[in-house]
Amino acid sequence: MEGDGILRQNNGKIAVSKGDFIAKRAAEGAARTFYNSGTEALVMLNVGKNEKEDTCYYPDEDVYLHKSNGQRRANRGGEIDNAWSSDPNPDKVKLAQCSRWVNQKAAAFSA
């Protein structure tokens, strides 16, 4: 992990930074969101199930994310919001940097 962030889980907030390990118990109804609170990209490895069919609710933004039939739709207030993202780094430049970092780490790991 790199960068600084905040993990909001249910009603609590926890500061996270490089070197932290966070185990999240799978639970229905447990809202979890990572926020980038630093100036650099927040990079993390998030391991878990990625269900093809799923619905998630993001209470801070009042957004429902529906995954079905290979498509993802974010709904806010009954309207589809194509600009919404669950990514803690919405800036495309930071996302490109994160992708390069992850690819470098994966290549080093598999070597």
C-alpha atoms as a PDB file:
ATOM      1  CA  MET A   1       0.000   0.000   0.000  1.00  0.00           C
ATOM      2  CA  GLU A   2       1.126   3.524  -0.678  1.00  0.00           C
ATOM      3  CA  GLY A   3      -0.328   6.893   0.192  1.00  0.00           C
ATOM      4  CA  ASP A   4      -2.592   7.992   3.017  1.00  0.00           C
ATOM      5  CA  GLY A   5      -6.270   7.405   3.371  1.00  0.00           C
ATOM      6  CA  ILE A   6      -9.274   6.915   5.566  1.00  0.00           C
ATOM      7  CA  LEU A   7     -11.253   3.690   5.872  1.00  0.00           C
ATOM      8  CA  ARG A   8     -14.848   4.352   6.830  1.00  0.00           C
ATOM      9  CA  GLN A   9     -16.565   1.240   8.094  1.00  0.00           C
ATOM     10  CA  ASN A  10     -20.118   1.610   9.317  1.00  0.00           C
ATOM     11  CA  ASN A  11     -19.924   4.608  11.703  1.00  0.00           C
ATOM     12  CA  GLY A  12     -16.166   4.577  12.389  1.00  0.00           C
ATOM     13  CA  LYS A  13     -13.168   6.063  10.588  1.00  0.00           C
ATOM     14  CA  ILE A  14      -9.635   4.641  10.646  1.00  0.00           C
ATOM     15  CA  ALA A  15      -6.515   6.336   9.225  1.00  0.00           C
ATOM     16  CA  VAL A  16      -4.548   4.049   6.885  1.00  0.00           C
ATOM     17  CA  SER A  17      -1.097   4.465   5.362  1.00  0.00           C
ATOM     18  CA  LYS A  18       1.794   2.619   3.741  1.00  0.00           C
ATOM     19  CA  GLY A  19       2.551  -0.683   5.439  1.00  0.00           C
ATOM     20  CA  ASP A  20      -0.893  -1.158   6.986  1.00  0.00           C
ATOM     21  CA  PHE A  21      -2.715  -4.467   6.757  1.00  0.00           C
ATOM     22  CA  ILE A  22      -6.471  -4.400   7.165  1.00  0.00           C
ATOM     23  CA  ALA A  23      -8.609  -7.520   7.413  1.00  0.00           C
ATOM     24  CA  LYS A  24     -12.258  -6.877   6.664  1.00  0.00           C
ATOM     25  CA  ARG A  25     -14.746  -9.522   7.679  1.00  0.00           C
ATOM     26  CA  ALA A  26     -17.312 -10.189   4.996  1.00  0.00           C
ATOM     27  CA  ALA A  27     -20.698  -9.090   6.209  1.00  0.00           C
ATOM     28  CA  GLU A  28     -23.966  -8.178   4.662  1.00  0.00           C
ATOM     29  CA  GLY A  29     -24.893  -4.595   5.389  1.00  0.00           C
ATOM     30  CA  ALA A  30     -21.377  -3.515   6.426  1.00  0.00           C
ATOM     31  CA  ALA A  31     -20.599  -0.360   4.446  1.00  0.00           C
ATOM     32  CA  ARG A  32     -16.872   0.160   3.790  1.00  0.00           C
ATOM     33  CA  THR A  33     -15.280   2.962   1.805  1.00  0.00           C
ATOM     34  CA  PHE A  34     -11.658   4.019   1.339  1.00  0.00           C
ATOM     35  CA  TYR A  35     -10.962   7.726   0.823  1.00  0.00           C
ATOM     36  CA  ASN A  36      -7.713   9.263  -0.363  1.00  0.00           C
ATOM     37  CA  SER A  37      -6.799  11.822   2.319  1.00  0.00           C
ATOM     38  CA  GLY A  38      -3.279  12.516   1.038  1.00  0.00           C
ATOM     39  CA  THR A  39      -1.735  14.360  -1.860  1.00  0.00           C
ATOM     40  CA  GLU A  40      -0.448  11.231  -3.646  1.00  0.00           C
ATOM     41  CA  ALA A  41      -2.400   8.316  -5.096  1.00  0.00           C
ATOM     42  CA  LEU A  42      -3.818   5.844  -2.572  1.00  0.00           C
ATOM     43  CA  VAL A  43      -2.649   2.403  -3.721  1.00  0.00           C
ATOM     44  CA  MET A  44      -3.923  -0.756  -2.074  1.00  0.00           C
ATOM     45  CA  LEU A  45      -4.429  -4.429  -2.689  1.00  0.00           C
ATOM     46  CA  ASN A  46      -8.050  -5.298  -1.978  1.00  0.00           C
ATOM     47  CA  VAL A  47      -8.740  -9.028  -2.004  1.00  0.00           C
ATOM     48  CA  GLY A  48     -12.202 -10.504  -1.920  1.00  0.00           C
ATOM     49  CA  LYS A  49     -15.008 -11.889  -3.967  1.00  0.00           C
ATOM     50  CA  ASN A  50     -16.039  -9.942  -7.026  1.00  0.00           C
ATOM     51  CA  GLU A  51     -19.558 -11.151  -7.660  1.00  0.00           C
ATOM     52  CA  LYS A  52     -20.910 -10.904 -11.204  1.00  0.00           C
ATOM     53  CA  GLU A  53     -24.338 -10.079  -9.831  1.00  0.00           C
ATOM     54  CA  ASP A  54     -24.294  -7.688  -6.881  1.00  0.00           C
ATOM     55  CA  THR A  55     -25.781  -4.519  -5.454  1.00  0.00           C
ATOM     56  CA  CYS A  56     -23.812  -2.205  -3.160  1.00  0.00           C
ATOM     57  CA  TYR A  57     -24.986   0.907  -1.360  1.00  0.00           C
ATOM     58  CA  TYR A  58     -22.602   3.838  -0.713  1.00  0.00           C
ATOM     59  CA  PRO A  59     -24.391   5.840   2.006  1.00  0.00           C
ATOM     60  CA  ASP A  60     -22.069   8.880   1.972  1.00  0.00           C
ATOM     61  CA  GLU A  61     -23.021   9.598  -1.632  1.00  0.00           C
ATOM     62  CA  ASP A  62     -26.467   7.964  -1.589  1.00  0.00           C
ATOM     63  CA  VAL A  63     -25.444   5.802  -4.549  1.00  0.00           C
ATOM     64  CA  TYR A  64     -26.510   2.267  -5.409  1.00  0.00           C
ATOM     65  CA  LEU A  65     -24.090   0.325  -7.622  1.00  0.00           C
ATOM     66  CA  HIS A  66     -25.769  -2.519  -9.523  1.00  0.00           C
ATOM     67  CA  LYS A  67     -23.729  -5.170 -11.330  1.00  0.00           C
ATOM     68  CA  SER A  68     -25.693  -7.421 -13.631  1.00  0.00           C
ATOM     69  CA  ASN A  69     -25.210  -9.079 -17.023  1.00  0.00           C
ATOM     70  CA  GLY A  70     -21.648  -7.746 -17.286  1.00  0.00           C
ATOM     71  CA  GLN A  71     -22.693  -4.116 -16.801  1.00  0.00           C
ATOM     72  CA  ARG A  72     -22.229  -1.693 -13.912  1.00  0.00           C
ATOM     73  CA  ARG A  73     -24.778   1.036 -13.228  1.00  0.00           C
ATOM     74  CA  ALA A  74     -24.581   3.669 -10.510  1.00  0.00           C
ATOM     75  CA  ASN A  75     -27.908   5.181  -9.484  1.00  0.00           C
ATOM     76  CA  ARG A  76     -28.214   8.347  -7.449  1.00  0.00           C
ATOM     77  CA  GLY A  77     -31.675   9.552  -6.528  1.00  0.00           C
ATOM     78  CA  GLY A  78     -33.278   7.251  -9.086  1.00  0.00           C
ATOM     79  CA  GLU A  79     -31.131   8.598 -11.942  1.00  0.00           C
ATOM     80  CA  ILE A  80     -28.194   6.778 -13.586  1.00  0.00           C
ATOM     81  CA  ASP A  81     -24.918   8.552 -12.775  1.00  0.00           C
ATOM     82  CA  ASN A  82     -22.313   7.563 -15.383  1.00  0.00           C
ATOM     83  CA  ALA A  83     -19.660   9.828 -13.847  1.00  0.00           C
ATOM     84  CA  TRP A  84     -19.700   8.195 -10.367  1.00  0.00           C
ATOM     85  CA  SER A  85     -16.824   5.910  -9.357  1.00  0.00           C
ATOM     86  CA  SER A  86     -16.062   3.928  -6.208  1.00  0.00           C
ATOM     87  CA  ASP A  87     -12.343   4.492  -6.829  1.00  0.00           C
ATOM     88  CA  PRO A  88     -10.597   6.531  -4.094  1.00  0.00           C
ATOM     89  CA  ASN A  89      -8.435   8.174  -6.813  1.00  0.00           C
ATOM     90  CA  PRO A  90     -10.860   9.732  -9.297  1.00  0.00           C
ATOM     91  CA  ASP A  91      -8.092  11.646 -11.097  1.00  0.00           C
ATOM     92  CA  LYS A  92      -7.235   9.747 -14.325  1.00  0.00           C
ATOM     93  CA  VAL A  93      -3.536  10.690 -14.093  1.00  0.00           C
ATOM     94  CA  LYS A  94      -3.324   9.138 -10.631  1.00  0.00           C
ATOM     95  CA  LEU A  95      -5.117   6.048 -11.893  1.00  0.00           C
ATOM     96  CA  ALA A  96      -2.560   5.620 -14.665  1.00  0.00           C
ATOM     97  CA  GLN A  97       0.256   5.952 -12.103  1.00  0.00           C
ATOM     98  CA  CYS A  98      -1.444   3.363  -9.883  1.00  0.00           C
ATOM     99  CA  SER A  99      -1.825   0.937 -12.776  1.00  0.00           C
ATOM    100  CA  ARG A 100       1.866   1.232 -13.639  1.00  0.00           C
ATOM    101  CA  TRP A 101       2.823   0.709  -9.972  1.00  0.00           C
ATOM    102  CA  VAL A 102       0.607  -2.382  -9.666  1.00  0.00           C
ATOM    103  CA  ASN A 103       1.990  -3.828 -12.924  1.00  0.00           C
ATOM    104  CA  GLN A 104       5.578  -3.265 -11.728  1.00  0.00           C
ATOM    105  CA  LYS A 105       4.868  -4.933  -8.368  1.00  0.00           C
ATOM    106  CA  ALA A 106       3.099  -7.872 -10.048  1.00  0.00           C
ATOM    107  CA  ALA A 107       6.011  -8.359 -12.461  1.00  0.00           C
ATOM    108  CA  ALA A 108       8.523  -8.293  -9.593  1.00  0.00           C
ATOM    109  CA  PHE A 109       6.417 -10.755  -7.591  1.00  0.00           C
ATOM    110  CA  SER A 110       6.133 -13.265 -10.426  1.00  0.00           C
ATOM    111  CA  ALA A 111       9.844 -13.048 -11.343  1.00  0.00           C
END
